[in-house]
Amino acid sequence: MRRDWLSRLVIVIDRYMRRRLGIWEFSDDPDCILRVGIARSRWRVSLSDGTILQPGETIGMIHAWNERIPPIPPGGADLGWARELRRRLVRSFQLLAQATRQDPRLQTIRGFGGPGILHFSPAILRLLERLGIETCELPPFTFRDRIEEQVNRIWTWLMRRTFNPVSVEDRGLDILSRRFYWISREKLLQMYSEERSE
């Protein structure tokens, strides 16, 4: 795919930021479309399975592996695209469950998630729920939060423009919103240990 100067710049910055933030590919499986990093939670989070994550606790941050997200067809997202996305997400969570057992960096992590900027359409929210992901809206409380949210919205739009341009054709920043997404280690292993997964 031929890229313009802005897309090439986004790719360079993305690589730099992944190194700086310690985000890594936890699997080399070609169907894996997620990466992971380590961070400290800024929030107290109570999950439906009883897991409570405390401020300052080490958490796993799930990131999209943008180069591997299935490209949206020129006619827009269709049923075939949605099925392929779901298949790759299920496989990615199976691989993450495996990594939580094998990678020393993830063996003490009790929860994966954090703030995410997405187009949280009803269909996406239903998909996340079926995948075991809990989402909630939290308003920005501080000036820093508001600035951070706007910067992240711009960056997410630029990433989508670079790696999946159809997803932002004729669309502005208003399609993107900030929600918090979480899955506990216990739920991840319960749903996605390979012997239990579909």
N, C-alpha and C. Protein backbone atom coordinates (compact mmCIF):
# COMPACT_ATOMS: atom_id res chain seq x y z
N MET A 1 0.84 -1.19 0.00
CA MET A 1 0.00 0.00 0.00
C MET A 1 0.88 1.25 0.00
N ARG A 2 0.61 2.15 -0.93
CA ARG A 2 1.38 3.39 -1.00
C ARG A 2 0.88 4.36 0.07
N ARG A 3 1.80 4.98 0.80
CA ARG A 3 1.41 5.86 1.90
C ARG A 3 1.95 7.26 1.65
N ASP A 4 1.16 8.27 2.09
CA ASP A 4 1.59 9.64 1.95
C ASP A 4 2.51 10.00 3.11
N TRP A 5 3.03 11.22 3.10
CA TRP A 5 4.02 11.63 4.10
C TRP A 5 3.44 11.58 5.51
N LEU A 6 2.14 11.92 5.67
CA LEU A 6 1.55 11.92 7.00
C LEU A 6 1.46 10.49 7.55
N SER A 7 1.06 9.56 6.72
CA SER A 7 0.98 8.17 7.17
C SER A 7 2.36 7.62 7.51
N ARG A 8 3.37 7.98 6.73
CA ARG A 8 4.73 7.52 7.04
C ARG A 8 5.21 8.10 8.36
N LEU A 9 4.86 9.35 8.63
CA LEU A 9 5.22 9.98 9.90
C LEU A 9 4.52 9.28 11.06
N VAL A 10 3.25 8.96 10.90
CA VAL A 10 2.49 8.26 11.94
C VAL A 10 3.14 6.92 12.26
N ILE A 11 3.57 6.19 11.23
CA ILE A 11 4.21 4.89 11.44
C ILE A 11 5.50 5.04 12.25
N VAL A 12 6.30 6.06 11.93
CA VAL A 12 7.56 6.30 12.66
C VAL A 12 7.27 6.63 14.13
N ILE A 13 6.31 7.53 14.36
CA ILE A 13 5.97 7.91 15.74
C ILE A 13 5.41 6.72 16.50
N ASP A 14 4.56 5.93 15.84
CA ASP A 14 3.98 4.76 16.49
C ASP A 14 5.07 3.79 16.95
N ARG A 15 6.04 3.53 16.09
CA ARG A 15 7.13 2.62 16.47
C ARG A 15 7.91 3.17 17.66
N TYR A 16 8.18 4.49 17.63
CA TYR A 16 8.92 5.11 18.74
C TYR A 16 8.13 5.00 20.04
N MET A 17 6.82 5.29 19.97
CA MET A 17 6.01 5.28 21.19
C MET A 17 5.86 3.86 21.75
N ARG A 18 5.76 2.87 20.88
CA ARG A 18 5.69 1.49 21.38
C ARG A 18 6.96 1.12 22.15
N ARG A 19 8.11 1.52 21.61
CA ARG A 19 9.37 1.24 22.32
C ARG A 19 9.41 2.00 23.64
N ARG A 20 9.02 3.25 23.60
CA ARG A 20 9.09 4.09 24.81
C ARG A 20 8.15 3.57 25.91
N LEU A 21 6.97 3.10 25.51
CA LEU A 21 5.97 2.65 26.48
C LEU A 21 6.10 1.16 26.81
N GLY A 22 7.02 0.47 26.16
CA GLY A 22 7.21 -0.94 26.46
C GLY A 22 6.07 -1.82 26.00
N ILE A 23 5.48 -1.49 24.86
CA ILE A 23 4.39 -2.29 24.30
C ILE A 23 5.01 -3.37 23.40
N TRP A 24 4.58 -4.60 23.57
CA TRP A 24 5.21 -5.67 22.80
C TRP A 24 4.17 -6.64 22.23
N GLU A 25 4.63 -7.41 21.21
CA GLU A 25 3.82 -8.46 20.62
C GLU A 25 4.00 -9.71 21.47
N PHE A 26 2.92 -10.17 22.09
CA PHE A 26 3.03 -11.33 22.97
C PHE A 26 2.93 -12.65 22.21
N SER A 27 2.66 -12.58 20.90
CA SER A 27 2.59 -13.79 20.08
C SER A 27 3.01 -13.45 18.66
N ASP A 28 3.59 -14.44 17.97
CA ASP A 28 3.91 -14.26 16.56
C ASP A 28 2.89 -14.96 15.66
N ASP A 29 1.79 -15.43 16.24
CA ASP A 29 0.72 -16.04 15.45
C ASP A 29 0.18 -15.00 14.47
N PRO A 30 0.08 -15.34 13.17
CA PRO A 30 -0.36 -14.35 12.17
C PRO A 30 -1.78 -13.84 12.38
N ASP A 31 -2.59 -14.56 13.16
CA ASP A 31 -3.95 -14.10 13.43
C ASP A 31 -4.05 -13.19 14.65
N CYS A 32 -2.95 -12.99 15.36
CA CYS A 32 -2.99 -12.13 16.56
C CYS A 32 -3.07 -10.68 16.14
N ILE A 33 -4.06 -9.95 16.65
CA ILE A 33 -4.22 -8.54 16.30
C ILE A 33 -4.14 -7.64 17.54
N LEU A 34 -3.55 -8.17 18.62
CA LEU A 34 -3.40 -7.39 19.85
C LEU A 34 -1.95 -7.38 20.29
N ARG A 35 -1.58 -6.28 20.95
CA ARG A 35 -0.31 -6.17 21.64
C ARG A 35 -0.63 -5.89 23.12
N VAL A 36 0.40 -5.89 23.95
CA VAL A 36 0.17 -5.63 25.37
C VAL A 36 1.32 -4.79 25.93
N GLY A 37 1.01 -4.02 26.94
CA GLY A 37 2.01 -3.25 27.68
C GLY A 37 1.68 -3.30 29.16
N ILE A 38 2.58 -2.79 29.97
CA ILE A 38 2.40 -2.78 31.41
C ILE A 38 2.26 -1.33 31.87
N ALA A 39 1.30 -1.09 32.77
CA ALA A 39 1.09 0.27 33.29
C ALA A 39 0.59 0.18 34.72
N ARG A 40 0.48 1.33 35.36
CA ARG A 40 -0.14 1.42 36.68
C ARG A 40 -1.54 1.99 36.53
N SER A 41 -2.50 1.35 37.16
CA SER A 41 -3.88 1.84 37.07
C SER A 41 -4.01 3.18 37.80
N ARG A 42 -4.73 4.10 37.18
CA ARG A 42 -5.02 5.38 37.82
C ARG A 42 -6.39 5.37 38.48
N TRP A 43 -7.08 4.21 38.41
CA TRP A 43 -8.45 4.16 38.87
C TRP A 43 -8.68 2.94 39.76
N ARG A 44 -9.71 3.03 40.59
CA ARG A 44 -10.21 1.84 41.29
C ARG A 44 -11.31 1.26 40.42
N VAL A 45 -11.16 -0.01 40.06
CA VAL A 45 -12.09 -0.64 39.12
C VAL A 45 -12.66 -1.89 39.76
N SER A 46 -13.99 -1.96 39.79
CA SER A 46 -14.67 -3.13 40.32
C SER A 46 -15.31 -3.89 39.17
N LEU A 47 -14.87 -5.13 38.94
CA LEU A 47 -15.36 -5.91 37.81
C LEU A 47 -16.45 -6.88 38.25
N SER A 48 -17.23 -7.35 37.29
CA SER A 48 -18.42 -8.14 37.60
C SER A 48 -18.10 -9.48 38.24
N ASP A 49 -16.88 -9.99 38.05
CA ASP A 49 -16.54 -11.28 38.65
C ASP A 49 -15.98 -11.13 40.06
N GLY A 50 -16.01 -9.90 40.59
CA GLY A 50 -15.52 -9.66 41.94
C GLY A 50 -14.09 -9.15 42.02
N THR A 51 -13.38 -9.13 40.90
CA THR A 51 -12.02 -8.58 40.89
C THR A 51 -12.07 -7.08 41.11
N ILE A 52 -11.26 -6.58 42.04
CA ILE A 52 -11.17 -5.15 42.30
C ILE A 52 -9.72 -4.72 42.07
N LEU A 53 -9.54 -3.83 41.10
CA LEU A 53 -8.21 -3.30 40.79
C LEU A 53 -8.06 -1.96 41.49
N GLN A 54 -6.94 -1.78 42.17
CA GLN A 54 -6.72 -0.58 42.97
C GLN A 54 -5.85 0.43 42.23
N PRO A 55 -6.01 1.72 42.53
CA PRO A 55 -5.10 2.72 41.95
C PRO A 55 -3.65 2.38 42.29
N GLY A 56 -2.79 2.47 41.30
CA GLY A 56 -1.39 2.14 41.50
C GLY A 56 -1.05 0.69 41.23
N GLU A 57 -2.07 -0.16 41.07
CA GLU A 57 -1.81 -1.57 40.79
C GLU A 57 -1.32 -1.75 39.36
N THR A 58 -0.42 -2.69 39.16
CA THR A 58 0.09 -2.99 37.84
C THR A 58 -0.99 -3.71 37.02
N ILE A 59 -1.25 -3.20 35.82
CA ILE A 59 -2.26 -3.79 34.94
C ILE A 59 -1.65 -4.03 33.57
N GLY A 60 -2.30 -4.87 32.80
CA GLY A 60 -1.90 -5.07 31.41
C GLY A 60 -2.74 -4.18 30.52
N MET A 61 -2.10 -3.39 29.69
CA MET A 61 -2.79 -2.51 28.75
C MET A 61 -2.87 -3.20 27.40
N ILE A 62 -4.09 -3.42 26.91
CA ILE A 62 -4.29 -4.07 25.62
C ILE A 62 -4.28 -3.00 24.53
N HIS A 63 -3.49 -3.25 23.48
CA HIS A 63 -3.39 -2.32 22.35
C HIS A 63 -3.67 -3.08 21.06
N ALA A 64 -4.28 -2.39 20.10
CA ALA A 64 -4.49 -2.99 18.78
C ALA A 64 -3.17 -3.10 18.05
N TRP A 65 -2.99 -4.21 17.35
CA TRP A 65 -1.86 -4.39 16.43
C TRP A 65 -2.37 -3.88 15.09
N ASN A 66 -2.24 -2.58 14.88
CA ASN A 66 -2.96 -1.88 13.81
C ASN A 66 -2.69 -2.44 12.42
N GLU A 67 -1.46 -2.87 12.18
CA GLU A 67 -1.11 -3.40 10.88
C GLU A 67 -1.88 -4.68 10.54
N ARG A 68 -2.43 -5.33 11.57
CA ARG A 68 -3.09 -6.62 11.36
C ARG A 68 -4.61 -6.56 11.48
N ILE A 69 -5.16 -5.42 11.81
CA ILE A 69 -6.61 -5.31 11.86
C ILE A 69 -7.16 -5.54 10.45
N PRO A 70 -8.17 -6.41 10.29
CA PRO A 70 -8.69 -6.64 8.94
C PRO A 70 -9.15 -5.34 8.30
N PRO A 71 -8.70 -5.06 7.08
CA PRO A 71 -9.10 -3.81 6.43
C PRO A 71 -10.59 -3.81 6.10
N ILE A 72 -11.23 -2.70 6.37
CA ILE A 72 -12.64 -2.57 6.03
C ILE A 72 -12.76 -2.50 4.51
N PRO A 73 -13.68 -3.26 3.91
CA PRO A 73 -13.84 -3.23 2.45
C PRO A 73 -14.25 -1.84 1.96
N PRO A 74 -13.99 -1.53 0.69
CA PRO A 74 -14.36 -0.22 0.14
C PRO A 74 -15.83 0.13 0.33
N GLY A 75 -16.71 -0.86 0.32
CA GLY A 75 -18.14 -0.60 0.52
C GLY A 75 -18.54 -0.42 1.97
N GLY A 76 -17.59 -0.55 2.89
CA GLY A 76 -17.89 -0.40 4.30
C GLY A 76 -17.88 -1.74 5.03
N ALA A 77 -17.96 -1.67 6.35
CA ALA A 77 -17.95 -2.88 7.17
C ALA A 77 -19.18 -3.73 6.86
N ASP A 78 -18.96 -5.00 6.53
CA ASP A 78 -20.07 -5.90 6.24
C ASP A 78 -19.98 -7.11 7.17
N LEU A 79 -20.90 -8.06 6.98
CA LEU A 79 -20.96 -9.22 7.86
C LEU A 79 -19.69 -10.05 7.77
N GLY A 80 -19.15 -10.20 6.57
CA GLY A 80 -17.92 -10.97 6.41
C GLY A 80 -16.76 -10.35 7.18
N TRP A 81 -16.65 -9.02 7.10
CA TRP A 81 -15.59 -8.32 7.83
C TRP A 81 -15.78 -8.50 9.33
N ALA A 82 -17.03 -8.37 9.82
CA ALA A 82 -17.30 -8.50 11.25
C ALA A 82 -16.95 -9.90 11.75
N ARG A 83 -17.26 -10.91 10.96
CA ARG A 83 -16.94 -12.28 11.37
C ARG A 83 -15.43 -12.50 11.44
N GLU A 84 -14.70 -11.94 10.47
CA GLU A 84 -13.25 -12.09 10.47
C GLU A 84 -12.63 -11.35 11.65
N LEU A 85 -13.14 -10.16 11.95
CA LEU A 85 -12.64 -9.41 13.11
C LEU A 85 -12.87 -10.20 14.39
N ARG A 86 -14.07 -10.74 14.56
CA ARG A 86 -14.38 -11.52 15.76
C ARG A 86 -13.47 -12.74 15.86
N ARG A 87 -13.28 -13.44 14.75
CA ARG A 87 -12.42 -14.63 14.76
C ARG A 87 -11.01 -14.30 15.22
N ARG A 88 -10.47 -13.20 14.69
CA ARG A 88 -9.11 -12.82 15.06
C ARG A 88 -9.03 -12.33 16.51
N LEU A 89 -10.08 -11.66 16.98
CA LEU A 89 -10.08 -11.23 18.38
C LEU A 89 -10.13 -12.43 19.32
N VAL A 90 -10.98 -13.40 19.02
CA VAL A 90 -11.04 -14.60 19.84
C VAL A 90 -9.68 -15.28 19.88
N ARG A 91 -9.06 -15.43 18.72
CA ARG A 91 -7.73 -16.05 18.67
C ARG A 91 -6.72 -15.24 19.45
N SER A 92 -6.80 -13.92 19.35
CA SER A 92 -5.86 -13.05 20.07
C SER A 92 -6.01 -13.20 21.58
N PHE A 93 -7.25 -13.31 22.06
CA PHE A 93 -7.46 -13.49 23.50
C PHE A 93 -7.02 -14.88 23.95
N GLN A 94 -7.16 -15.89 23.09
CA GLN A 94 -6.62 -17.21 23.42
C GLN A 94 -5.11 -17.12 23.61
N LEU A 95 -4.46 -16.41 22.71
CA LEU A 95 -3.00 -16.26 22.79
C LEU A 95 -2.59 -15.42 23.99
N LEU A 96 -3.39 -14.40 24.34
CA LEU A 96 -3.09 -13.60 25.53
C LEU A 96 -3.25 -14.45 26.79
N ALA A 97 -4.28 -15.28 26.82
CA ALA A 97 -4.45 -16.17 27.97
C ALA A 97 -3.24 -17.08 28.13
N GLN A 98 -2.76 -17.59 27.01
CA GLN A 98 -1.56 -18.44 27.04
C GLN A 98 -0.36 -17.64 27.54
N ALA A 99 -0.23 -16.40 27.07
CA ALA A 99 0.91 -15.57 27.48
C ALA A 99 0.85 -15.24 28.97
N THR A 100 -0.35 -15.07 29.53
CA THR A 100 -0.43 -14.74 30.96
C THR A 100 0.08 -15.89 31.83
N ARG A 101 0.02 -17.10 31.28
CA ARG A 101 0.54 -18.24 32.03
C ARG A 101 2.05 -18.41 31.85
N GLN A 102 2.57 -17.99 30.70
CA GLN A 102 3.96 -18.30 30.34
C GLN A 102 4.92 -17.13 30.46
N ASP A 103 4.45 -15.91 30.26
CA ASP A 103 5.34 -14.74 30.26
C ASP A 103 5.46 -14.20 31.68
N PRO A 104 6.67 -14.19 32.26
CA PRO A 104 6.84 -13.71 33.63
C PRO A 104 6.32 -12.29 33.84
N ARG A 105 6.33 -11.46 32.79
CA ARG A 105 5.86 -10.09 32.93
C ARG A 105 4.36 -10.02 33.18
N LEU A 106 3.63 -11.08 32.83
CA LEU A 106 2.17 -11.05 32.92
C LEU A 106 1.61 -11.97 34.00
N GLN A 107 2.47 -12.72 34.67
CA GLN A 107 1.97 -13.76 35.57
C GLN A 107 1.32 -13.22 36.83
N THR A 108 1.61 -11.98 37.22
CA THR A 108 0.98 -11.42 38.41
C THR A 108 -0.10 -10.38 38.08
N ILE A 109 -0.37 -10.18 36.79
CA ILE A 109 -1.37 -9.20 36.37
C ILE A 109 -2.76 -9.74 36.69
N ARG A 110 -3.59 -8.95 37.40
CA ARG A 110 -4.94 -9.40 37.73
C ARG A 110 -6.01 -8.83 36.80
N GLY A 111 -5.64 -7.84 35.98
CA GLY A 111 -6.62 -7.24 35.09
C GLY A 111 -5.97 -6.61 33.88
N PHE A 112 -6.66 -6.67 32.77
CA PHE A 112 -6.19 -6.08 31.52
C PHE A 112 -7.21 -5.05 31.06
N GLY A 113 -6.73 -3.89 30.63
CA GLY A 113 -7.65 -2.88 30.13
C GLY A 113 -7.08 -1.50 30.22
N GLY A 114 -7.99 -0.53 30.39
CA GLY A 114 -7.60 0.87 30.47
C GLY A 114 -8.49 1.72 29.60
N PRO A 115 -8.10 2.96 29.37
CA PRO A 115 -8.92 3.84 28.53
C PRO A 115 -8.69 3.53 27.06
N GLY A 116 -9.76 3.51 26.29
CA GLY A 116 -9.65 3.26 24.86
C GLY A 116 -10.47 4.25 24.08
N ILE A 117 -9.94 4.68 22.95
CA ILE A 117 -10.65 5.58 22.04
C ILE A 117 -11.08 4.75 20.83
N LEU A 118 -12.38 4.59 20.67
CA LEU A 118 -12.92 3.79 19.58
C LEU A 118 -14.21 4.42 19.06
N HIS A 119 -14.70 3.86 17.97
CA HIS A 119 -16.06 4.16 17.53
C HIS A 119 -16.95 3.14 18.22
N PHE A 120 -17.46 3.49 19.41
CA PHE A 120 -18.22 2.55 20.22
C PHE A 120 -19.67 2.50 19.73
N SER A 121 -19.85 1.92 18.56
CA SER A 121 -21.20 1.74 18.02
C SER A 121 -21.92 0.65 18.81
N PRO A 122 -23.24 0.58 18.71
CA PRO A 122 -23.95 -0.52 19.39
C PRO A 122 -23.42 -1.89 18.99
N ALA A 123 -23.06 -2.07 17.71
CA ALA A 123 -22.54 -3.37 17.27
C ALA A 123 -21.20 -3.68 17.93
N ILE A 124 -20.34 -2.67 18.05
CA ILE A 124 -19.03 -2.88 18.71
C ILE A 124 -19.23 -3.20 20.18
N LEU A 125 -20.15 -2.51 20.84
CA LEU A 125 -20.40 -2.77 22.26
C LEU A 125 -20.93 -4.19 22.47
N ARG A 126 -21.79 -4.66 21.57
CA ARG A 126 -22.30 -6.03 21.68
C ARG A 126 -21.17 -7.03 21.47
N LEU A 127 -20.29 -6.75 20.51
CA LEU A 127 -19.15 -7.63 20.26
C LEU A 127 -18.25 -7.71 21.48
N LEU A 128 -17.93 -6.56 22.07
CA LEU A 128 -17.06 -6.55 23.25
C LEU A 128 -17.69 -7.33 24.40
N GLU A 129 -18.99 -7.16 24.58
CA GLU A 129 -19.68 -7.89 25.65
C GLU A 129 -19.58 -9.40 25.43
N ARG A 130 -19.80 -9.84 24.19
CA ARG A 130 -19.71 -11.27 23.90
C ARG A 130 -18.29 -11.80 24.10
N LEU A 131 -17.31 -10.92 23.91
CA LEU A 131 -15.91 -11.31 24.12
C LEU A 131 -15.50 -11.30 25.59
N GLY A 132 -16.40 -10.87 26.46
CA GLY A 132 -16.10 -10.84 27.89
C GLY A 132 -15.49 -9.53 28.37
N ILE A 133 -15.51 -8.51 27.50
CA ILE A 133 -14.93 -7.21 27.85
C ILE A 133 -16.00 -6.32 28.48
N GLU A 134 -15.71 -5.78 29.64
CA GLU A 134 -16.60 -4.83 30.29
C GLU A 134 -16.20 -3.42 29.90
N THR A 135 -17.17 -2.59 29.55
CA THR A 135 -16.87 -1.20 29.19
C THR A 135 -17.69 -0.26 30.06
N CYS A 136 -17.14 0.90 30.30
CA CYS A 136 -17.87 1.93 31.03
C CYS A 136 -17.34 3.29 30.62
N GLU A 137 -18.21 4.28 30.68
CA GLU A 137 -17.81 5.65 30.38
C GLU A 137 -17.41 6.33 31.67
N LEU A 138 -16.27 6.99 31.65
CA LEU A 138 -15.85 7.81 32.78
C LEU A 138 -15.51 9.20 32.25
N PRO A 139 -16.18 10.22 32.74
CA PRO A 139 -15.89 11.57 32.23
C PRO A 139 -14.51 12.03 32.67
N PRO A 140 -13.86 12.87 31.86
CA PRO A 140 -12.56 13.42 32.29
C PRO A 140 -12.77 14.33 33.49
N PHE A 141 -11.96 14.12 34.51
CA PHE A 141 -12.14 14.88 35.74
C PHE A 141 -11.24 16.09 35.84
N THR A 142 -10.13 16.09 35.13
CA THR A 142 -9.14 17.15 35.28
C THR A 142 -8.82 17.74 33.91
N PHE A 143 -8.15 18.89 33.93
CA PHE A 143 -7.71 19.50 32.69
C PHE A 143 -6.78 18.55 31.94
N ARG A 144 -5.91 17.87 32.68
CA ARG A 144 -5.00 16.89 32.07
C ARG A 144 -5.80 15.81 31.35
N ASP A 145 -6.86 15.31 31.99
CA ASP A 145 -7.68 14.27 31.37
C ASP A 145 -8.31 14.75 30.07
N ARG A 146 -8.80 15.99 30.06
CA ARG A 146 -9.45 16.52 28.86
C ARG A 146 -8.45 16.67 27.72
N ILE A 147 -7.25 17.16 28.04
CA ILE A 147 -6.21 17.30 27.01
C ILE A 147 -5.80 15.92 26.50
N GLU A 148 -5.59 15.00 27.43
CA GLU A 148 -5.18 13.65 27.07
C GLU A 148 -6.22 12.98 26.17
N GLU A 149 -7.49 13.18 26.49
CA GLU A 149 -8.54 12.57 25.67
C GLU A 149 -8.53 13.13 24.25
N GLN A 150 -8.39 14.44 24.12
CA GLN A 150 -8.41 15.02 22.78
C GLN A 150 -7.18 14.59 21.97
N VAL A 151 -6.02 14.56 22.61
CA VAL A 151 -4.81 14.11 21.91
C VAL A 151 -4.98 12.67 21.46
N ASN A 152 -5.54 11.82 22.33
CA ASN A 152 -5.73 10.42 21.98
C ASN A 152 -6.76 10.24 20.87
N ARG A 153 -7.79 11.08 20.84
CA ARG A 153 -8.76 11.01 19.75
C ARG A 153 -8.11 11.35 18.42
N ILE A 154 -7.30 12.40 18.40
CA ILE A 154 -6.59 12.78 17.17
C ILE A 154 -5.64 11.68 16.74
N TRP A 155 -4.89 11.12 17.70
CA TRP A 155 -3.93 10.08 17.37
C TRP A 155 -4.64 8.83 16.85
N THR A 156 -5.74 8.44 17.48
CA THR A 156 -6.48 7.26 17.03
C THR A 156 -7.01 7.47 15.61
N TRP A 157 -7.51 8.67 15.33
CA TRP A 157 -8.02 8.97 13.98
C TRP A 157 -6.88 8.86 12.96
N LEU A 158 -5.70 9.39 13.31
CA LEU A 158 -4.55 9.32 12.40
C LEU A 158 -4.10 7.87 12.19
N MET A 159 -4.14 7.07 13.25
CA MET A 159 -3.77 5.66 13.12
C MET A 159 -4.74 4.93 12.20
N ARG A 160 -6.02 5.20 12.37
CA ARG A 160 -7.02 4.56 11.50
C ARG A 160 -6.85 5.02 10.05
N ARG A 161 -6.56 6.29 9.88
CA ARG A 161 -6.32 6.81 8.53
C ARG A 161 -5.14 6.10 7.88
N THR A 162 -4.12 5.81 8.68
CA THR A 162 -2.90 5.19 8.17
C THR A 162 -3.10 3.71 7.85
N PHE A 163 -3.72 2.97 8.78
CA PHE A 163 -3.76 1.52 8.65
C PHE A 163 -5.09 0.98 8.13
N ASN A 164 -6.16 1.76 8.23
CA ASN A 164 -7.48 1.28 7.80
C ASN A 164 -8.28 2.49 7.31
N PRO A 165 -7.83 3.12 6.22
CA PRO A 165 -8.37 4.42 5.82
C PRO A 165 -9.86 4.46 5.56
N VAL A 166 -10.45 3.34 5.13
CA VAL A 166 -11.90 3.35 4.88
C VAL A 166 -12.67 3.66 6.16
N SER A 167 -12.10 3.31 7.31
CA SER A 167 -12.80 3.49 8.58
C SER A 167 -13.01 4.95 8.95
N VAL A 168 -12.26 5.87 8.32
CA VAL A 168 -12.43 7.29 8.66
C VAL A 168 -12.82 8.13 7.44
N GLU A 169 -13.12 7.49 6.32
CA GLU A 169 -13.52 8.25 5.13
C GLU A 169 -14.76 9.08 5.43
N ASP A 170 -14.67 10.37 5.14
CA ASP A 170 -15.78 11.30 5.36
C ASP A 170 -16.24 11.33 6.81
N ARG A 171 -15.35 11.00 7.74
CA ARG A 171 -15.71 11.01 9.17
C ARG A 171 -14.68 11.81 9.94
N GLY A 172 -15.15 12.56 10.91
CA GLY A 172 -14.27 13.37 11.74
C GLY A 172 -14.03 12.72 13.09
N LEU A 173 -13.48 13.52 14.00
CA LEU A 173 -13.16 13.01 15.34
C LEU A 173 -14.40 12.66 16.14
N ASP A 174 -15.55 13.20 15.74
CA ASP A 174 -16.76 13.00 16.53
C ASP A 174 -17.22 11.54 16.55
N ILE A 175 -16.71 10.69 15.65
CA ILE A 175 -17.10 9.27 15.68
C ILE A 175 -16.39 8.52 16.80
N LEU A 176 -15.35 9.13 17.38
CA LEU A 176 -14.54 8.45 18.38
C LEU A 176 -14.90 8.95 19.77
N SER A 177 -15.00 8.03 20.71
CA SER A 177 -15.28 8.41 22.09
C SER A 177 -14.39 7.59 23.03
N ARG A 178 -14.33 8.03 24.27
CA ARG A 178 -13.44 7.43 25.25
C ARG A 178 -14.26 6.59 26.22
N ARG A 179 -13.90 5.34 26.31
CA ARG A 179 -14.49 4.45 27.31
C ARG A 179 -13.37 3.64 27.94
N PHE A 180 -13.71 3.05 29.07
CA PHE A 180 -12.75 2.19 29.74
C PHE A 180 -13.17 0.74 29.51
N TYR A 181 -12.22 -0.10 29.19
CA TYR A 181 -12.50 -1.50 28.88
C TYR A 181 -11.65 -2.38 29.79
N TRP A 182 -12.24 -3.47 30.28
CA TRP A 182 -11.53 -4.31 31.23
C TRP A 182 -11.91 -5.77 31.06
N ILE A 183 -10.97 -6.64 31.34
CA ILE A 183 -11.23 -8.06 31.53
C ILE A 183 -10.26 -8.54 32.60
N SER A 184 -10.78 -9.27 33.57
CA SER A 184 -9.91 -9.76 34.64
C SER A 184 -9.09 -10.95 34.13
N ARG A 185 -8.00 -11.20 34.79
CA ARG A 185 -7.17 -12.37 34.47
C ARG A 185 -7.99 -13.65 34.61
N GLU A 186 -8.78 -13.71 35.69
CA GLU A 186 -9.59 -14.90 35.93
C GLU A 186 -10.58 -15.14 34.79
N LYS A 187 -11.24 -14.10 34.35
CA LYS A 187 -12.22 -14.25 33.27
C LYS A 187 -11.53 -14.57 31.95
N LEU A 188 -10.38 -13.94 31.71
CA LEU A 188 -9.61 -14.22 30.50
C LEU A 188 -9.26 -15.70 30.42
N LEU A 189 -8.75 -16.24 31.51
CA LEU A 189 -8.36 -17.64 31.52
C LEU A 189 -9.59 -18.55 31.44
N GLN A 190 -10.67 -18.16 32.09
CA GLN A 190 -11.89 -18.97 32.08
C GLN A 190 -12.46 -19.07 30.67
N MET A 191 -12.47 -17.93 29.95
CA MET A 191 -13.09 -17.90 28.62
C MET A 191 -12.17 -18.36 27.51
N TYR A 192 -10.86 -18.14 27.67
CA TYR A 192 -9.96 -18.28 26.52
C TYR A 192 -8.83 -19.29 26.69
N SER A 193 -8.79 -20.02 27.79
CA SER A 193 -7.86 -21.14 27.83
C SER A 193 -8.23 -22.06 26.69
N GLU A 194 -7.26 -22.50 25.91
CA GLU A 194 -7.55 -23.18 24.65
C GLU A 194 -8.44 -24.39 24.78
N GLU A 195 -8.33 -25.09 25.89
CA GLU A 195 -9.16 -26.28 26.03
C GLU A 195 -10.62 -25.93 26.28
N ARG A 196 -10.90 -24.64 26.64
CA ARG A 196 -12.27 -24.24 26.90
C ARG A 196 -12.85 -23.40 25.78
N SER A 197 -11.99 -22.87 24.88
CA SER A 197 -12.45 -21.94 23.85
C SER A 197 -13.02 -22.70 22.68
N GLU A 198 -13.97 -21.99 21.97
CA GLU A 198 -14.57 -22.60 20.79
C GLU A 198 -13.58 -22.60 19.65
